[in-house]
C-alpha atoms as a PDB file:
ATOM      1  CA  MET A   1     163.649  22.187 -82.808  1.00  0.00           C
ATOM      2  CA  LYS A   2     166.835  20.762 -81.223  1.00  0.00           C
ATOM      3  CA  LEU A   3     168.080  21.361 -77.441  1.00  0.00           C
ATOM      4  CA  TYR A   4     171.705  22.192 -77.045  1.00  0.00           C
ATOM      5  CA  LEU A   5     173.396  21.922 -73.552  1.00  0.00           C
ATOM      6  CA  GLY A   6     176.837  23.116 -73.236  1.00  0.00           C
ATOM      7  CA  VAL A   7     178.992  25.679 -71.832  1.00  0.00           C
ATOM      8  CA  ASP A   8     180.227  29.141 -72.405  1.00  0.00           C
ATOM      9  CA  GLN A   9     183.903  28.497 -73.052  1.00  0.00           C
ATOM     10  CA  VAL A  10     186.189  30.233 -70.395  1.00  0.00           C
ATOM     11  CA  PRO A  11     189.414  29.300 -68.792  1.00  0.00           C
ATOM     12  CA  GLU A  12     189.177  27.255 -65.400  1.00  0.00           C
ATOM     13  CA  TRP A  13     190.674  29.002 -62.521  1.00  0.00           C
ATOM     14  CA  GLN A  14     194.172  27.683 -61.670  1.00  0.00           C
ATOM     15  CA  SER A  15     193.915  24.954 -64.466  1.00  0.00           C
ATOM     16  CA  ASN A  16     195.099  24.227 -67.825  1.00  0.00           C
ATOM     17  CA  TRP A  17     191.567  23.429 -68.917  1.00  0.00           C
ATOM     18  CA  ASP A  18     188.780  25.576 -69.920  1.00  0.00           C
ATOM     19  CA  THR A  19     185.129  24.922 -69.295  1.00  0.00           C
ATOM     20  CA  TYR A  20     184.596  23.470 -72.687  1.00  0.00           C
ATOM     21  CA  ASP A  21     187.328  20.786 -71.855  1.00  0.00           C
ATOM     22  CA  LEU A  22     185.910  20.123 -68.434  1.00  0.00           C
ATOM     23  CA  GLY A  23     182.131  19.903 -69.816  1.00  0.00           C
ATOM     24  CA  LYS A  24     183.616  17.382 -72.453  1.00  0.00           C
ATOM     25  CA  HIS A  25     185.432  15.498 -69.872  1.00  0.00           C
ATOM     26  CA  LEU A  26     182.452  15.365 -67.585  1.00  0.00           C
ATOM     27  CA  GLU A  27     180.136  14.103 -70.263  1.00  0.00           C
ATOM     28  CA  GLU A  28     182.751  11.394 -71.552  1.00  0.00           C
ATOM     29  CA  LYS A  29     183.298  10.159 -68.142  1.00  0.00           C
ATOM     30  CA  TYR A  30     179.963  10.500 -66.000  1.00  0.00           C
ATOM     31  CA  GLY A  31     177.445  11.279 -68.836  1.00  0.00           C
ATOM     32  CA  LEU A  32     176.512  14.140 -67.007  1.00  0.00           C
ATOM     33  CA  PHE A  33     174.665  16.359 -69.480  1.00  0.00           C
ATOM     34  CA  SER A  34     172.880  13.246 -71.002  1.00  0.00           C
ATOM     35  CA  LYS A  35     171.786  12.145 -67.144  1.00  0.00           C
ATOM     36  CA  PHE A  36     170.736  15.725 -66.587  1.00  0.00           C
ATOM     37  CA  TYR A  37     168.380  15.621 -69.710  1.00  0.00           C
ATOM     38  CA  GLU A  38     167.188  12.189 -68.966  1.00  0.00           C
ATOM     39  CA  MET A  39     166.233  13.216 -65.354  1.00  0.00           C
ATOM     40  CA  ASP A  40     164.816  16.618 -66.240  1.00  0.00           C
ATOM     41  CA  LYS A  41     163.414  15.932 -69.756  1.00  0.00           C
ATOM     42  CA  ASP A  42     159.449  16.275 -68.426  1.00  0.00           C
ATOM     43  CA  LYS A  43     160.205  19.808 -67.192  1.00  0.00           C
ATOM     44  CA  ILE A  44     162.416  20.888 -70.092  1.00  0.00           C
ATOM     45  CA  ALA A  45     159.308  19.840 -72.367  1.00  0.00           C
ATOM     46  CA  LYS A  46     157.038  21.813 -70.074  1.00  0.00           C
ATOM     47  CA  TYR A  47     159.306  24.968 -70.327  1.00  0.00           C
ATOM     48  CA  ILE A  48     159.200  24.667 -74.292  1.00  0.00           C
ATOM     49  CA  GLU A  49     155.408  24.213 -74.333  1.00  0.00           C
ATOM     50  CA  GLU A  50     154.974  27.170 -72.279  1.00  0.00           C
ATOM     51  CA  GLY A  51     157.602  29.264 -74.130  1.00  0.00           C
ATOM     52  CA  ILE A  52     155.637  28.106 -77.401  1.00  0.00           C
ATOM     53  CA  GLU A  53     152.312  29.121 -75.898  1.00  0.00           C
ATOM     54  CA  GLY A  54     153.721  32.719 -75.082  1.00  0.00           C
ATOM     55  CA  THR A  55     155.186  33.083 -78.428  1.00  0.00           C
ATOM     56  CA  LEU A  56     151.926  32.306 -80.075  1.00  0.00           C
ATOM     57  CA  SER A  57     150.159  34.693 -77.733  1.00  0.00           C
ATOM     58  CA  THR A  58     152.594  37.372 -78.862  1.00  0.00           C
ATOM     59  CA  TYR A  59     151.857  36.697 -82.596  1.00  0.00           C
ATOM     60  CA  GLN A  60     148.119  36.799 -81.952  1.00  0.00           C
ATOM     61  CA  LEU A  61     148.428  40.064 -80.357  1.00  0.00           C
ATOM     62  CA  THR A  62     151.085  41.846 -82.591  1.00  0.00           C
ATOM     63  CA  GLY A  63     150.854  39.834 -85.612  1.00  0.00           C
ATOM     64  CA  GLN A  64     154.552  39.644 -85.363  1.00  0.00           C
ATOM     65  CA  MET A  65     156.887  36.951 -84.279  1.00  0.00           C
ATOM     66  CA  PRO A  66     159.322  37.661 -81.573  1.00  0.00           C
ATOM     67  CA  ALA A  67     162.979  37.679 -82.487  1.00  0.00           C
ATOM     68  CA  ASP A  68     163.694  35.030 -79.838  1.00  0.00           C
ATOM     69  CA  PRO A  69     160.546  32.819 -79.853  1.00  0.00           C
ATOM     70  CA  LEU A  70     161.848  30.828 -76.545  1.00  0.00           C
ATOM     71  CA  PRO A  71     163.468  33.789 -74.451  1.00  0.00           C
ATOM     72  CA  SER A  72     163.272  32.218 -71.056  1.00  0.00           C
ATOM     73  CA  VAL A  73     163.599  28.468 -71.646  1.00  0.00           C
ATOM     74  CA  GLY A  74     167.317  28.246 -71.730  1.00  0.00           C
ATOM     75  CA  THR A  75     167.405  30.288 -68.580  1.00  0.00           C
ATOM     76  CA  GLN A  76     165.065  27.764 -66.935  1.00  0.00           C
ATOM     77  CA  ILE A  77     167.047  24.836 -67.968  1.00  0.00           C
ATOM     78  CA  VAL A  78     170.359  26.236 -66.808  1.00  0.00           C
ATOM     79  CA  ARG A  79     168.861  26.978 -63.378  1.00  0.00           C
ATOM     80  CA  ASP A  80     167.516  23.461 -63.093  1.00  0.00           C
ATOM     81  CA  PHE A  81     171.090  22.008 -64.081  1.00  0.00           C
ATOM     82  CA  GLN A  82     172.662  24.241 -61.556  1.00  0.00           C
ATOM     83  CA  ASP A  83     170.249  23.361 -58.844  1.00  0.00           C
ATOM     84  CA  MET A  84     170.603  19.536 -59.570  1.00  0.00           C
ATOM     85  CA  ILE A  85     174.521  20.041 -59.071  1.00  0.00           C
ATOM     86  CA  ASP A  86     174.073  21.941 -55.818  1.00  0.00           C
ATOM     87  CA  GLN A  87     171.699  19.415 -54.362  1.00  0.00           C
ATOM     88  CA  LYS A  88     173.567  16.270 -55.075  1.00  0.00           C
ATOM     89  CA  LYS A  89     171.095  14.887 -57.362  1.00  0.00           C
ATOM     90  CA  PHE A  90     173.668  12.988 -59.381  1.00  0.00           C
ATOM     91  CA  ASP A  91     174.891  11.293 -56.505  1.00  0.00           C
ATOM     92  CA  ASN A  92     174.520   7.453 -56.666  1.00  0.00           C
ATOM     93  CA  VAL A  93     172.900   8.038 -59.953  1.00  0.00           C
ATOM     94  CA  LEU A  94     175.973   8.324 -62.051  1.00  0.00           C
ATOM     95  CA  PRO A  95     178.917   5.990 -61.823  1.00  0.00           C
ATOM     96  CA  ASN A  96     181.597   6.892 -59.405  1.00  0.00           C
ATOM     97  CA  VAL A  97     179.381   9.870 -58.049  1.00  0.00           C
ATOM     98  CA  PRO A  98     179.965  11.494 -55.529  1.00  0.00           C
ATOM     99  CA  THR A  99     183.437  12.115 -56.773  1.00  0.00           C
ATOM    100  CA  LYS A 100     186.517  11.624 -54.889  1.00  0.00           C
ATOM    101  CA  ALA A 101     186.873  15.376 -54.770  1.00  0.00           C
ATOM    102  CA  SER A 102     183.543  15.846 -53.429  1.00  0.00           C
ATOM    103  CA  LYS A 103     183.965  13.103 -50.765  1.00  0.00           C
ATOM    104  CA  ILE A 104     187.293  14.823 -49.629  1.00  0.00           C
ATOM    105  CA  GLY A 105     185.527  18.423 -49.887  1.00  0.00           C
ATOM    106  CA  ILE A 106     188.318  19.935 -52.071  1.00  0.00           C
ATOM    107  CA  ARG A 107     186.851  23.445 -52.974  1.00  0.00           C
ATOM    108  CA  ARG A 108     189.320  25.590 -54.482  1.00  0.00           C
ATOM    109  CA  ARG A 109     187.352  28.642 -54.593  1.00  0.00           C
ATOM    110  CA  PHE A 110     187.641  29.029 -50.774  1.00  0.00           C
ATOM    111  CA  LYS A 111     190.668  29.918 -48.626  1.00  0.00           C
ATOM    112  CA  ASN A 112     190.292  26.970 -46.382  1.00  0.00           C
ATOM    113  CA  ARG A 113     189.747  24.629 -49.656  1.00  0.00           C
ATOM    114  CA  LEU A 114     187.828  21.969 -47.694  1.00  0.00           C
ATOM    115  CA  ASP A 115     183.922  21.916 -47.705  1.00  0.00           C
ATOM    116  CA  PRO A 116     182.519  18.623 -46.393  1.00  0.00           C
ATOM    117  CA  ASN A 117     179.499  19.495 -48.233  1.00  0.00           C
ATOM    118  CA  ARG A 118     180.771  20.238 -51.402  1.00  0.00           C
ATOM    119  CA  PRO A 119     178.673  18.589 -54.253  1.00  0.00           C
ATOM    120  CA  SER A 120     180.208  16.644 -57.075  1.00  0.00           C
ATOM    121  CA  PHE A 121     181.194  18.785 -60.404  1.00  0.00           C
ATOM    122  CA  GLN A 122     181.486  21.970 -58.245  1.00  0.00           C
ATOM    123  CA  ASP A 123     184.771  23.386 -57.430  1.00  0.00           C
ATOM    124  CA  THR A 124     185.507  26.916 -58.360  1.00  0.00           C
ATOM    125  CA  GLY A 125     181.960  27.689 -59.460  1.00  0.00           C
ATOM    126  CA  ILE A 126     183.195  28.649 -63.110  1.00  0.00           C
ATOM    127  CA  PHE A 127     181.747  25.612 -64.756  1.00  0.00           C
ATOM    128  CA  GLU A 128     178.328  25.934 -63.246  1.00  0.00           C
ATOM    129  CA  ALA A 129     178.253  29.707 -64.060  1.00  0.00           C
ATOM    130  CA  SER A 130     179.258  28.790 -67.690  1.00  0.00           C
ATOM    131  CA  LEU A 131     176.416  26.325 -68.421  1.00  0.00           C
ATOM    132  CA  GLU A 132     174.246  27.211 -71.381  1.00  0.00           C
ATOM    133  CA  ALA A 133     171.100  25.598 -72.817  1.00  0.00           C
ATOM    134  CA  TRP A 134     169.531  26.969 -76.129  1.00  0.00           C
ATOM    135  CA  ILE A 135     167.012  25.852 -78.737  1.00  0.00           C
ATOM    136  CA  LYS A 136     167.597  26.101 -82.330  1.00  0.00           C
END
């Protein structure tokens, strides 16, 4: 089994980048995805363990393996990632975080465009909404 963290590739609002480009940049510059895994790996392991237990229970009851043996694991991991961004868990953990844009409060999804509580890595909301986690 291998865990994949990534994004659903969609265009970023008012940008020449898409979410793949942005995700790649954030990993190269800040190590965002790697740090998330490092910080959350025990919870991720627990989600996988619980998913496997559920799959085995289904097999014991029905005699068949489900098409998706770990249906909710990716959703739980993505929710944790989004929560860590929202709760500013990467501030002072990653280099140069909080980011300059976060300190200034730039947020392009609002008419006012300034939000003093803006977390790093959150601008339009498209990146966070595009986060994906899956296991193969």
